[in-house]
Amino acid sequence: MRATDVHMSAAIDEERRIVLVTGSIDTDEYQIIMRVPLPSAGEWTLIKAETNLTDNPWLAWQMKLGEGISIPMKDGKPELLTSRNYGYTRYIQESNSVIFHGGGHENNGEVRPGEPILKFAKIETEMPEIIAAHSRMVPEDLPEFDNMIQNGNFKDSYPKMEVITPVTELSLPEVFVKEQLVK
């Protein structure tokens, strides 16, 4: 038996400008649109982890960023954009899409059922909200792999499911100093 309908949740460290989003995905039949309210616009480090509760391995993951959200560039490359699970990352500025993949038949990375995917990105937002659409590539999509990776058009025709992510603001950790107890 496995969990279903597990909602996403987020935790924000406003001082360090870090957003952590976690959750699970139990379907490949929808393009999931995630909304995360932020305390302010600007530059944020986004850490996302979702567990694959489907019956299919994910051969690639696409994240289309919403209007007013971008990946900051440094020397012509994304400043921070990586995944623990996939050997390759591609940012397509024209469609504002991020694609994490394992190279198709080369299979340098995938997310099998029951495994989590972990992604890191530095993002710039013009509004106090993250909006991103997520699609996953499964084995039946492999014949279209090259086209999907080059153009960033994963499952655009699929029905959309919107998830508004509840947020918890984190406080700074206390630092315990032993000498404070002796007075």
Protein backbone atom coordinates (compact mmCIF):
# COMPACT_ATOMS: atom_id res chain seq x y z
CA MET A 1 0.00 0.00 0.00
CA ARG A 2 1.30 3.48 -0.77
CA ALA A 3 0.30 7.01 0.08
CA THR A 4 -1.72 8.95 -2.46
CA ASP A 5 -2.72 12.58 -2.74
CA VAL A 6 0.27 13.76 -0.71
CA HIS A 7 0.32 17.53 -0.81
CA MET A 8 3.38 19.67 -1.34
CA SER A 9 4.64 21.84 1.48
CA ALA A 10 7.30 24.52 1.71
CA ALA A 11 9.56 26.00 4.35
CA ILE A 12 11.20 29.40 3.89
CA ASP A 13 14.28 30.86 5.55
CA GLU A 14 13.73 34.52 4.75
CA GLU A 15 17.08 35.74 6.10
CA ARG A 16 19.10 33.30 3.99
CA ARG A 17 16.61 33.52 1.07
CA ILE A 18 16.12 29.74 0.85
CA VAL A 19 12.89 27.96 -0.15
CA LEU A 20 12.57 24.21 0.49
CA VAL A 21 9.65 22.44 -1.23
CA THR A 22 8.88 18.78 -0.53
CA GLY A 23 6.12 16.38 -1.46
CA SER A 24 5.15 13.39 -3.56
CA ILE A 25 3.74 12.86 -7.03
CA ASP A 26 1.46 9.90 -7.73
CA THR A 27 0.48 10.56 -11.37
CA ASP A 28 2.20 11.16 -14.70
CA GLU A 29 -1.08 12.05 -16.43
CA TYR A 30 -1.07 15.74 -15.45
CA GLN A 31 1.16 18.75 -15.77
CA ILE A 32 1.43 19.94 -12.15
CA ILE A 33 1.46 23.70 -11.63
CA MET A 34 2.97 24.66 -8.29
CA ARG A 35 2.48 28.03 -6.58
CA VAL A 36 4.57 28.99 -3.55
CA PRO A 37 3.91 32.38 -1.92
CA LEU A 38 7.09 34.21 -0.87
CA PRO A 39 7.64 37.00 1.67
CA SER A 40 9.20 39.18 -1.06
CA ALA A 41 10.39 39.22 -4.66
CA GLY A 42 14.08 38.93 -5.53
CA GLU A 43 16.72 36.24 -5.64
CA TRP A 44 16.02 32.94 -3.86
CA THR A 45 17.71 29.55 -3.63
CA LEU A 46 15.11 26.88 -4.39
CA ILE A 47 15.55 23.32 -3.13
CA LYS A 48 12.89 20.85 -4.30
CA ALA A 49 12.41 17.20 -3.39
CA GLU A 50 9.51 15.05 -4.55
CA THR A 51 9.07 11.30 -4.18
CA ASN A 52 8.00 9.31 -7.23
CA LEU A 53 4.85 7.41 -6.19
CA THR A 54 3.99 6.43 -9.77
CA ASP A 55 4.63 3.05 -11.37
CA ASN A 56 7.03 4.54 -13.96
CA PRO A 57 10.64 5.70 -13.79
CA TRP A 58 11.09 9.37 -14.65
CA LEU A 59 13.67 9.62 -17.44
CA ALA A 60 13.57 13.42 -17.41
CA TRP A 61 11.97 16.27 -15.48
CA GLN A 62 10.88 19.61 -16.91
CA MET A 63 10.15 22.72 -14.88
CA LYS A 64 8.62 25.62 -16.85
CA LEU A 65 9.03 28.78 -14.82
CA GLY A 66 6.15 31.23 -14.65
CA GLU A 67 6.12 34.76 -15.98
CA GLY A 68 8.47 37.05 -14.06
CA ILE A 69 10.65 34.17 -12.83
CA SER A 70 14.07 33.43 -14.29
CA ILE A 71 17.35 31.65 -13.65
CA PRO A 72 20.17 34.16 -12.98
CA MET A 73 23.12 33.69 -15.33
CA LYS A 74 26.83 34.10 -14.56
CA ASP A 75 29.37 34.03 -17.40
CA GLY A 76 26.68 32.71 -19.76
CA LYS A 77 25.70 29.78 -17.51
CA PRO A 78 23.02 29.32 -14.85
CA GLU A 79 24.39 30.43 -11.48
CA LEU A 80 22.97 27.39 -9.63
CA LEU A 81 21.00 24.68 -11.40
CA THR A 82 21.51 20.99 -10.69
CA SER A 83 19.89 17.71 -9.71
CA ARG A 84 21.27 14.80 -7.73
CA ASN A 85 19.41 12.35 -9.95
CA TYR A 86 20.30 13.31 -13.51
CA GLY A 87 23.58 13.65 -15.38
CA TYR A 88 22.45 16.60 -17.51
CA THR A 89 20.70 19.91 -16.96
CA ARG A 90 19.46 22.25 -19.69
CA TYR A 91 18.03 25.76 -19.36
CA ILE A 92 16.10 26.98 -22.40
CA GLN A 93 15.75 30.75 -21.97
CA GLU A 94 13.29 31.17 -24.87
CA SER A 95 10.68 28.97 -23.16
CA ASN A 96 11.97 29.63 -19.62
CA SER A 97 12.25 25.86 -19.14
CA VAL A 98 14.64 23.83 -17.03
CA ILE A 99 15.15 20.21 -18.06
CA PHE A 100 16.92 17.62 -15.94
CA HIS A 101 17.64 14.39 -17.84
CA GLY A 102 19.83 11.34 -18.08
CA GLY A 103 20.57 11.46 -21.80
CA GLY A 104 17.78 9.21 -23.09
CA HIS A 105 19.13 5.82 -24.21
CA GLU A 106 22.43 6.74 -22.52
CA ASN A 107 20.52 6.56 -19.20
CA ASN A 108 22.77 8.72 -17.05
CA GLY A 109 20.11 9.16 -14.41
CA GLU A 110 16.45 8.51 -13.71
CA VAL A 111 14.07 8.53 -10.75
CA ARG A 112 12.59 5.09 -10.13
CA PRO A 113 9.28 4.47 -8.34
CA GLY A 114 9.72 5.10 -4.62
CA GLU A 115 12.80 7.29 -5.06
CA PRO A 116 12.98 11.04 -4.43
CA ILE A 117 14.17 13.60 -6.96
CA LEU A 118 16.33 16.41 -5.56
CA LYS A 119 16.85 19.67 -7.45
CA PHE A 120 18.63 22.95 -6.64
CA ALA A 121 18.25 26.28 -8.45
CA LYS A 122 18.89 29.93 -7.90
CA ILE A 123 15.88 31.88 -9.18
CA GLU A 124 14.98 35.54 -9.59
CA THR A 125 11.35 36.54 -9.05
CA GLU A 126 9.70 39.84 -9.99
CA MET A 127 6.78 39.08 -7.68
CA PRO A 128 6.53 37.45 -4.25
CA GLU A 129 5.56 34.03 -5.62
CA ILE A 130 7.09 31.03 -7.35
CA ILE A 131 5.02 29.58 -10.18
CA ALA A 132 6.32 26.54 -12.05
CA ALA A 133 4.74 23.82 -14.19
CA HIS A 134 6.20 20.33 -13.83
CA SER A 135 6.16 17.45 -16.30
CA ARG A 136 7.90 14.10 -16.19
CA MET A 137 9.13 11.97 -19.09
CA VAL A 138 8.38 8.24 -18.76
CA PRO A 139 9.67 5.29 -20.87
CA GLU A 140 6.78 5.48 -23.37
CA ASP A 141 7.99 9.02 -24.24
CA LEU A 142 11.49 7.80 -25.21
CA PRO A 143 10.90 7.97 -29.02
CA GLU A 144 10.25 11.72 -28.60
CA PHE A 145 13.20 12.23 -26.22
CA ASP A 146 15.42 14.36 -28.48
CA ASN A 147 12.56 16.64 -29.54
CA MET A 148 11.36 17.09 -25.95
CA ILE A 149 14.86 17.85 -24.62
CA GLN A 150 15.72 20.29 -27.42
CA ASN A 151 12.42 22.19 -27.41
CA GLY A 152 11.25 21.83 -23.83
CA ASN A 153 7.74 20.77 -24.78
CA PHE A 154 7.05 17.96 -22.32
CA LYS A 155 3.39 17.05 -22.27
CA ASP A 156 2.14 20.60 -22.90
CA SER A 157 -1.21 19.16 -24.02
CA TYR A 158 -1.79 17.25 -20.77
CA PRO A 159 -4.45 18.46 -18.34
CA LYS A 160 -3.13 20.80 -15.67
CA MET A 161 -3.44 20.36 -11.92
CA GLU A 162 -2.67 23.40 -9.75
CA VAL A 163 -1.18 22.98 -6.28
CA ILE A 164 -1.00 25.95 -3.91
CA THR A 165 1.77 25.06 -1.52
CA PRO A 166 1.36 25.87 2.19
CA VAL A 167 4.40 27.65 3.61
CA THR A 168 6.08 27.60 7.02
CA GLU A 169 8.55 30.38 7.80
CA LEU A 170 11.62 29.11 9.58
CA SER A 171 13.26 30.98 12.42
CA LEU A 172 16.99 31.12 12.89
CA PRO A 173 18.36 28.28 14.98
CA GLU A 174 19.45 29.04 18.50
CA VAL A 175 23.11 28.51 19.26
CA PHE A 176 23.62 26.83 22.60
CA VAL A 177 26.67 27.99 24.54
CA LYS A 178 27.45 25.93 27.63
CA GLU A 179 28.81 28.92 29.55
CA GLN A 180 25.37 30.56 29.45
CA LEU A 181 24.09 27.99 31.93
CA VAL A 182 26.74 28.77 34.56
CA LYS A 183 26.02 32.06 36.32
